């Protein structure tokens, strides 16, 4: 979970520089003996590849516990799009329609 700027600076590091969640995208990484599916995912900042979605699409209250949580978007090759809440208390929670 990336920290939010409360007021004018980060409560963890003191920086006043912000980063939009829309600039962070998934980057799929393939190993030497890969068979097609990604071996792992990295976060890419200011990348031009938004193919797989956005891990920090926005924020929303978790509908299970009410905690503010990150909403992640995953775009699949079959054009299906999946949104999930990444709650610190509940883990991954499917978004309500």
C-alpha atoms as a PDB file:
ATOM      1  CA  UNK A   1       0.000   0.000   0.000  1.00  0.00           C
ATOM      2  CA  UNK A   2       1.486   3.309  -1.030  1.00  0.00           C
ATOM      3  CA  UNK A   3       1.166   6.079   1.557  1.00  0.00           C
ATOM      4  CA  UNK A   4      -1.211   8.970   0.899  1.00  0.00           C
ATOM      5  CA  UNK A   5      -0.166  12.576   1.275  1.00  0.00           C
ATOM      6  CA  UNK A   6      -2.028  13.897   4.293  1.00  0.00           C
ATOM      7  CA  UNK A   7      -1.914  17.641   3.914  1.00  0.00           C
ATOM      8  CA  UNK A   8       1.271  18.662   2.143  1.00  0.00           C
ATOM      9  CA  UNK A   9       3.704  15.846   2.891  1.00  0.00           C
ATOM     10  CA  UNK A  10       4.078  12.100   3.325  1.00  0.00           C
ATOM     11  CA  UNK A  11       3.723  10.934   6.908  1.00  0.00           C
ATOM     12  CA  UNK A  12       6.394   8.240   6.362  1.00  0.00           C
ATOM     13  CA  UNK A  13       9.211  10.016   4.539  1.00  0.00           C
ATOM     14  CA  UNK A  14       8.275  13.731   4.660  1.00  0.00           C
ATOM     15  CA  UNK A  15       8.318  14.167   0.858  1.00  0.00           C
ATOM     16  CA  UNK A  16       5.861  16.529  -0.790  1.00  0.00           C
ATOM     17  CA  UNK A  17       6.174  14.861  -4.222  1.00  0.00           C
ATOM     18  CA  UNK A  18       3.093  12.918  -5.310  1.00  0.00           C
ATOM     19  CA  UNK A  19       2.539  10.145  -7.828  1.00  0.00           C
ATOM     20  CA  UNK A  20      -0.784   9.474  -9.511  1.00  0.00           C
ATOM     21  CA  UNK A  21      -1.978   5.869  -9.325  1.00  0.00           C
ATOM     22  CA  UNK A  22      -2.812   6.135 -13.033  1.00  0.00           C
ATOM     23  CA  UNK A  23       0.929   6.316 -13.782  1.00  0.00           C
ATOM     24  CA  UNK A  24       1.610   2.916 -12.173  1.00  0.00           C
ATOM     25  CA  UNK A  25       0.996  -0.123 -14.381  1.00  0.00           C
ATOM     26  CA  UNK A  26       1.603  -3.883 -14.325  1.00  0.00           C
ATOM     27  CA  UNK A  27       4.691  -5.137 -16.149  1.00  0.00           C
ATOM     28  CA  UNK A  28       4.722  -8.857 -16.890  1.00  0.00           C
ATOM     29  CA  UNK A  29       8.134 -10.509 -16.735  1.00  0.00           C
ATOM     30  CA  UNK A  30       9.143 -13.708 -18.489  1.00  0.00           C
ATOM     31  CA  UNK A  31      12.012 -15.984 -17.502  1.00  0.00           C
ATOM     32  CA  UNK A  32      14.360 -17.890 -19.781  1.00  0.00           C
ATOM     33  CA  UNK A  33      12.174 -21.023 -19.953  1.00  0.00           C
ATOM     34  CA  UNK A  34       8.811 -19.253 -19.959  1.00  0.00           C
ATOM     35  CA  UNK A  35       5.816 -20.995 -21.538  1.00  0.00           C
ATOM     36  CA  UNK A  36       3.703 -17.906 -22.211  1.00  0.00           C
ATOM     37  CA  UNK A  37       2.246 -16.783 -18.893  1.00  0.00           C
ATOM     38  CA  UNK A  38       4.207 -14.240 -16.836  1.00  0.00           C
ATOM     39  CA  UNK A  39       6.592 -15.671 -14.248  1.00  0.00           C
ATOM     40  CA  UNK A  40       6.024 -12.624 -12.050  1.00  0.00           C
ATOM     41  CA  UNK A  41       4.755  -9.049 -12.109  1.00  0.00           C
ATOM     42  CA  UNK A  42       6.540  -5.785 -11.388  1.00  0.00           C
ATOM     43  CA  UNK A  43       5.147  -2.304 -10.991  1.00  0.00           C
ATOM     44  CA  UNK A  44       6.180   0.120 -13.707  1.00  0.00           C
ATOM     45  CA  UNK A  45       6.007   3.878 -13.174  1.00  0.00           C
ATOM     46  CA  UNK A  46       5.382   6.203 -16.142  1.00  0.00           C
ATOM     47  CA  UNK A  47       5.401   3.243 -18.499  1.00  0.00           C
ATOM     48  CA  UNK A  48       3.592   3.297 -21.797  1.00  0.00           C
ATOM     49  CA  UNK A  49       2.240  -0.264 -21.456  1.00  0.00           C
ATOM     50  CA  UNK A  50      -1.187  -0.162 -19.835  1.00  0.00           C
ATOM     51  CA  UNK A  51      -2.073  -3.488 -21.437  1.00  0.00           C
ATOM     52  CA  UNK A  52      -2.486  -5.437 -18.158  1.00  0.00           C
ATOM     53  CA  UNK A  53      -4.243  -2.787 -16.094  1.00  0.00           C
ATOM     54  CA  UNK A  54      -3.462  -0.588 -13.137  1.00  0.00           C
ATOM     55  CA  UNK A  55      -2.556  -1.876  -9.655  1.00  0.00           C
ATOM     56  CA  UNK A  56      -3.426   1.499  -8.064  1.00  0.00           C
ATOM     57  CA  UNK A  57      -6.558   2.443 -10.020  1.00  0.00           C
ATOM     58  CA  UNK A  58      -8.143   4.212  -7.052  1.00  0.00           C
ATOM     59  CA  UNK A  59      -9.365   3.894  -3.485  1.00  0.00           C
ATOM     60  CA  UNK A  60     -12.620   2.682  -2.044  1.00  0.00           C
ATOM     61  CA  UNK A  61     -13.977   1.435   1.254  1.00  0.00           C
ATOM     62  CA  UNK A  62     -13.778  -2.326   1.651  1.00  0.00           C
ATOM     63  CA  UNK A  63     -17.386  -3.557   1.664  1.00  0.00           C
ATOM     64  CA  UNK A  64     -16.457  -6.215   4.267  1.00  0.00           C
ATOM     65  CA  UNK A  65     -14.821  -4.069   6.972  1.00  0.00           C
ATOM     66  CA  UNK A  66     -15.086  -0.399   5.892  1.00  0.00           C
ATOM     67  CA  UNK A  67     -11.311   0.225   5.767  1.00  0.00           C
ATOM     68  CA  UNK A  68     -10.049   2.451   2.929  1.00  0.00           C
ATOM     69  CA  UNK A  69      -8.307   0.179   0.438  1.00  0.00           C
ATOM     70  CA  UNK A  70      -6.668   0.202  -2.978  1.00  0.00           C
ATOM     71  CA  UNK A  71      -8.687  -0.796  -6.054  1.00  0.00           C
ATOM     72  CA  UNK A  72      -6.675  -2.732  -8.663  1.00  0.00           C
ATOM     73  CA  UNK A  73      -7.587  -3.353 -12.284  1.00  0.00           C
ATOM     74  CA  UNK A  74      -6.427  -6.392 -14.259  1.00  0.00           C
ATOM     75  CA  UNK A  75      -7.024  -6.636 -18.011  1.00  0.00           C
ATOM     76  CA  UNK A  76      -6.873 -10.146 -19.462  1.00  0.00           C
ATOM     77  CA  UNK A  77      -5.960 -11.152 -23.049  1.00  0.00           C
ATOM     78  CA  UNK A  78      -9.568 -12.277 -23.671  1.00  0.00           C
ATOM     79  CA  UNK A  79     -10.650  -8.626 -23.088  1.00  0.00           C
ATOM     80  CA  UNK A  80     -12.118  -9.458 -19.656  1.00  0.00           C
ATOM     81  CA  UNK A  81     -11.515  -6.781 -17.026  1.00  0.00           C
ATOM     82  CA  UNK A  82     -11.407  -7.546 -13.304  1.00  0.00           C
ATOM     83  CA  UNK A  83     -11.480  -5.090 -10.410  1.00  0.00           C
ATOM     84  CA  UNK A  84     -10.493  -6.103  -6.886  1.00  0.00           C
ATOM     85  CA  UNK A  85     -10.123  -4.346  -3.566  1.00  0.00           C
ATOM     86  CA  UNK A  86      -6.751  -4.888  -1.870  1.00  0.00           C
ATOM     87  CA  UNK A  87      -7.729  -4.482   1.773  1.00  0.00           C
ATOM     88  CA  UNK A  88      -5.036  -4.507   4.482  1.00  0.00           C
ATOM     89  CA  UNK A  89      -7.424  -6.367   6.813  1.00  0.00           C
ATOM     90  CA  UNK A  90      -9.404  -8.657   4.467  1.00  0.00           C
ATOM     91  CA  UNK A  91      -6.914  -9.301   1.654  1.00  0.00           C
ATOM     92  CA  UNK A  92      -8.213  -9.443  -1.933  1.00  0.00           C
ATOM     93  CA  UNK A  93     -11.944  -8.769  -2.127  1.00  0.00           C
ATOM     94  CA  UNK A  94     -14.000  -8.917  -5.326  1.00  0.00           C
ATOM     95  CA  UNK A  95     -15.616  -5.611  -6.250  1.00  0.00           C
ATOM     96  CA  UNK A  96     -19.361  -5.346  -6.027  1.00  0.00           C
ATOM     97  CA  UNK A  97     -21.103  -4.533  -9.287  1.00  0.00           C
END
